[in-house]
Amino acid sequence: MRHDDVWRAIDAIAAENGLSASGLARRSGLDPTAFNPSKRIGPDGRARWPSTESVAKVLAATGTGVDSFAALVSGQAPNMARPRGGSARRIPLIGLAQAGGDGFFDDAGFPVGGSWDEISGPDVADQNAYALEISGESMEPVFRDGDMVIVSPGAPVRRGDRVVVRTKLGEVMAKQLIRQSAKRIELQSLNPAHPNYNFDLSEVAWVHRIVWASQ
């Protein structure tokens, strides 16, 4: 067990729950700065490790099992991308307004083609994760113009999650999942001034979970 692997596992849990390191600490009932990168190395240069109490609070606050945390630490989690040597993860990026165009996604909703830009992002476990840049004011106050969201095609989607949905007509939208049945999906607009949406599942190409946002 290595110092950077433990912190990488904590960062992965934060990203999977759409949180920053400080947001994860706050949700866990800890000081918001407890997981900041600046706190991971002491003034004397020695590595600082999270306490077992802190880890236990993180697992309880996010519903993460001990086995899952151990897998993240050891690198055995499926599709775990683990950059070494301090290099950041490179994640493909396009604008949300572009995402409805042809040639950006395959039939499974994975990013394809050479038209994507790239950003340095958090160590998201899903190797097929991609980033979208928000434009306009239609998703305020949750997401604002210029915000970046990272989306995981492989993350499980649950009621209340913020998601990116693409219809078979090519429309792409970021919403909050209200309910999904065997036949229909109900979506809540992030801006209360905009209407909610209901689709037959036959009208939907894919639904992907937002796991991280830049704000």
Protein backbone atom coordinates (compact mmCIF):
# COMPACT_ATOMS: atom_id res chain seq x y z
CA MET A 1 0.00 0.00 0.00
CA ARG A 2 1.51 3.27 -1.15
CA HIS A 3 0.80 6.80 -0.02
CA ASP A 4 -0.18 8.07 -3.50
CA ASP A 5 -2.40 5.02 -4.12
CA VAL A 6 -4.45 5.72 -0.98
CA TRP A 7 -4.96 9.35 -1.93
CA ARG A 8 -5.76 8.37 -5.53
CA ALA A 9 -8.48 6.05 -4.21
CA ILE A 10 -9.98 8.90 -2.17
CA ASP A 11 -9.89 11.17 -5.23
CA ALA A 12 -11.60 8.45 -7.29
CA ILE A 13 -14.40 8.15 -4.74
CA ALA A 14 -14.84 11.92 -4.80
CA ALA A 15 -15.03 11.96 -8.61
CA GLU A 16 -17.50 9.05 -8.72
CA ASN A 17 -19.78 11.05 -6.43
CA GLY A 18 -19.44 14.29 -8.38
CA LEU A 19 -17.40 15.95 -5.63
CA SER A 20 -14.11 17.76 -5.27
CA ALA A 21 -11.68 16.65 -2.56
CA SER A 22 -12.98 19.41 -0.27
CA GLY A 23 -16.59 18.51 -1.11
CA LEU A 24 -15.94 14.90 -0.14
CA ALA A 25 -14.36 15.98 3.15
CA ARG A 26 -17.33 18.23 3.89
CA ARG A 27 -19.86 15.47 3.12
CA SER A 28 -17.92 13.15 5.42
CA GLY A 29 -18.15 15.58 8.32
CA LEU A 30 -14.48 16.53 8.18
CA ASP A 31 -12.65 19.82 7.85
CA PRO A 32 -13.12 20.93 4.20
CA THR A 33 -9.34 21.20 3.77
CA ALA A 34 -8.61 17.74 5.18
CA PHE A 35 -8.11 16.15 1.75
CA ASN A 36 -6.53 19.10 -0.05
CA PRO A 37 -3.39 18.16 -2.01
CA SER A 38 -1.41 20.67 0.06
CA LYS A 39 -2.24 18.65 3.19
CA ARG A 40 -0.87 15.37 1.80
CA ILE A 41 2.76 16.29 2.37
CA GLY A 42 3.92 17.83 5.65
CA PRO A 43 6.15 20.93 5.97
CA ASP A 44 9.06 18.60 6.62
CA GLY A 45 8.45 16.76 3.35
CA ARG A 46 7.04 13.63 4.98
CA ALA A 47 3.97 11.97 3.53
CA ARG A 48 0.74 12.53 5.44
CA TRP A 49 -1.70 9.62 5.39
CA PRO A 50 -5.46 9.87 5.95
CA SER A 51 -6.50 8.43 9.30
CA THR A 52 -8.56 5.26 9.48
CA GLU A 53 -11.33 7.36 11.03
CA SER A 54 -11.31 9.70 8.02
CA VAL A 55 -11.43 6.78 5.59
CA ALA A 56 -14.28 5.18 7.54
CA LYS A 57 -16.27 8.43 7.38
CA VAL A 58 -15.67 8.70 3.63
CA LEU A 59 -16.90 5.15 3.04
CA ALA A 60 -19.98 5.72 5.19
CA ALA A 61 -20.82 9.07 3.57
CA THR A 62 -20.58 7.72 0.01
CA GLY A 63 -21.84 4.17 0.53
CA THR A 64 -18.54 2.72 -0.65
CA GLY A 65 -17.64 -0.76 0.57
CA VAL A 66 -14.32 -1.63 2.15
CA ASP A 67 -13.65 -4.11 -0.66
CA SER A 68 -14.28 -1.42 -3.28
CA PHE A 69 -11.92 0.96 -1.51
CA ALA A 70 -9.25 -1.74 -1.29
CA ALA A 71 -9.66 -2.43 -5.01
CA LEU A 72 -9.18 1.25 -5.79
CA VAL A 73 -6.04 1.35 -3.64
CA SER A 74 -4.59 -1.78 -5.23
CA GLY A 75 -5.56 -0.81 -8.77
CA GLN A 76 -7.76 -3.87 -9.27
CA ALA A 77 -10.95 -1.92 -9.97
CA PRO A 78 -12.26 -2.49 -13.53
CA ASN A 79 -11.08 0.03 -16.13
CA MET A 80 -9.08 1.91 -13.52
CA ALA A 81 -6.88 4.49 -15.18
CA ARG A 82 -3.85 5.08 -13.01
CA PRO A 83 -1.38 7.68 -14.27
CA ARG A 84 2.07 7.39 -12.74
CA GLY A 85 4.84 9.83 -12.11
CA GLY A 86 2.45 12.65 -11.26
CA SER A 87 1.08 12.98 -14.82
CA ALA A 88 -2.55 14.04 -15.09
CA ARG A 89 -5.24 12.02 -16.79
CA ARG A 90 -6.04 13.31 -20.28
CA ILE A 91 -9.78 13.31 -20.95
CA PRO A 92 -11.43 14.03 -24.32
CA LEU A 93 -13.42 17.29 -24.39
CA ILE A 94 -16.07 18.87 -26.58
CA GLY A 95 -18.73 21.49 -26.00
CA LEU A 96 -22.13 20.29 -24.88
CA ALA A 97 -23.64 22.08 -27.88
CA GLN A 98 -21.41 20.02 -30.20
CA ALA A 99 -22.23 16.68 -28.60
CA GLY A 100 -25.37 16.19 -30.66
CA GLY A 101 -23.39 16.24 -33.91
CA ASP A 102 -22.35 13.18 -35.86
CA GLY A 103 -18.96 11.52 -35.42
CA PHE A 104 -18.32 12.19 -31.73
CA PHE A 105 -19.80 9.02 -30.20
CA ASP A 106 -20.14 5.40 -31.23
CA ASP A 107 -23.38 3.44 -30.86
CA ALA A 108 -22.55 2.64 -27.22
CA GLY A 109 -22.03 6.33 -26.39
CA PHE A 110 -18.24 6.12 -26.13
CA PRO A 111 -16.20 9.06 -27.48
CA VAL A 112 -14.67 8.40 -30.92
CA GLY A 113 -13.02 10.33 -33.72
CA GLY A 114 -10.25 12.88 -33.87
CA SER A 115 -12.31 16.03 -33.38
CA TRP A 116 -12.11 16.03 -29.58
CA ASP A 117 -9.95 18.42 -27.62
CA GLU A 118 -8.39 17.26 -24.33
CA ILE A 119 -8.18 18.49 -20.75
CA SER A 120 -6.22 17.36 -17.72
CA GLY A 121 -8.79 15.89 -15.36
CA PRO A 122 -9.19 13.91 -12.16
CA ASP A 123 -8.36 10.22 -12.11
CA VAL A 124 -11.83 8.95 -13.05
CA ALA A 125 -12.05 5.16 -12.98
CA ASP A 126 -13.88 4.86 -16.32
CA GLN A 127 -11.43 4.80 -19.25
CA ASN A 128 -14.26 5.89 -21.56
CA ALA A 129 -15.00 9.04 -19.54
CA TYR A 130 -15.27 12.30 -21.44
CA ALA A 131 -15.69 15.99 -20.63
CA LEU A 132 -18.28 18.49 -21.82
CA GLU A 133 -18.02 22.28 -21.61
CA ILE A 134 -21.25 23.99 -20.62
CA SER A 135 -22.36 26.95 -22.72
CA GLY A 136 -25.16 29.41 -22.11
CA GLU A 137 -27.40 29.95 -19.09
CA SER A 138 -29.96 27.17 -19.51
CA MET A 139 -28.49 25.07 -16.67
CA GLU A 140 -27.96 27.78 -14.08
CA PRO A 141 -27.62 27.83 -11.14
CA VAL A 142 -26.23 24.25 -11.12
CA PHE A 143 -23.89 24.63 -14.11
CA ARG A 144 -22.77 27.96 -15.54
CA ASP A 145 -21.31 29.02 -18.85
CA GLY A 146 -17.74 27.71 -19.09
CA ASP A 147 -18.08 24.99 -16.44
CA MET A 148 -16.64 21.57 -17.26
CA VAL A 149 -18.38 18.32 -16.39
CA ILE A 150 -16.87 14.85 -16.63
CA VAL A 151 -19.22 12.10 -17.71
CA SER A 152 -18.78 8.35 -17.14
CA PRO A 153 -20.56 5.96 -19.53
CA GLY A 154 -19.71 3.08 -17.19
CA ALA A 155 -20.97 4.57 -13.91
CA PRO A 156 -24.26 3.19 -12.56
CA VAL A 157 -27.15 5.65 -12.88
CA ARG A 158 -29.54 6.13 -9.95
CA ARG A 159 -32.48 8.34 -9.15
CA GLY A 160 -31.32 11.86 -8.29
CA ASP A 161 -28.11 11.64 -10.33
CA ARG A 162 -27.19 14.40 -12.74
CA VAL A 163 -26.90 12.83 -16.16
CA VAL A 164 -26.21 13.54 -19.81
CA VAL A 165 -28.86 12.09 -22.11
CA ARG A 166 -28.74 11.70 -25.87
CA THR A 167 -31.92 11.00 -27.81
CA LYS A 168 -31.98 9.00 -31.01
CA LEU A 169 -32.73 12.26 -32.84
CA GLY A 170 -29.32 13.55 -31.74
CA GLU A 171 -30.43 15.94 -28.99
CA VAL A 172 -28.02 16.02 -26.03
CA MET A 173 -29.02 17.47 -22.66
CA ALA A 174 -27.80 17.58 -19.06
CA LYS A 175 -30.60 16.89 -16.58
CA GLN A 176 -31.34 15.26 -13.23
CA LEU A 177 -32.84 11.79 -13.29
CA ILE A 178 -36.24 11.71 -11.59
CA ARG A 179 -37.28 8.19 -12.48
CA GLN A 180 -36.54 5.46 -14.98
CA SER A 181 -38.87 2.53 -15.53
CA ALA A 182 -38.77 -0.32 -18.03
CA LYS A 183 -40.53 1.91 -20.57
CA ARG A 184 -39.99 5.58 -19.73
CA ILE A 185 -37.49 8.02 -18.31
CA GLU A 186 -38.34 11.24 -16.48
CA LEU A 187 -35.82 14.09 -16.34
CA GLN A 188 -35.78 17.30 -14.32
CA SER A 189 -34.26 20.46 -15.79
CA LEU A 190 -31.43 21.94 -13.72
CA ASN A 191 -32.82 25.42 -14.30
CA PRO A 192 -36.28 25.71 -12.73
CA ALA A 193 -37.31 28.11 -15.50
CA HIS A 194 -37.11 25.26 -18.03
CA PRO A 195 -39.59 22.38 -18.37
CA ASN A 196 -38.99 18.79 -17.35
CA TYR A 197 -38.78 16.05 -19.97
CA ASN A 198 -40.34 12.61 -20.38
CA PHE A 199 -39.19 10.12 -22.99
CA ASP A 200 -40.04 6.58 -24.00
CA LEU A 201 -36.83 4.55 -23.59
CA SER A 202 -37.13 3.68 -27.27
CA GLU A 203 -36.43 7.38 -27.97
CA VAL A 204 -33.20 7.45 -25.91
CA ALA A 205 -29.81 6.42 -27.26
CA TRP A 206 -27.98 6.50 -23.92
CA VAL A 207 -27.89 7.96 -20.41
CA HIS A 208 -24.52 8.70 -18.80
CA ARG A 209 -23.82 9.88 -15.27
CA ILE A 210 -21.99 13.13 -14.50
CA VAL A 211 -19.30 12.21 -11.98
CA TRP A 212 -17.40 15.48 -11.59
CA ALA A 213 -17.92 19.20 -12.22
CA SER A 214 -15.37 22.01 -12.23
CA GLN A 215 -17.29 24.55 -10.15
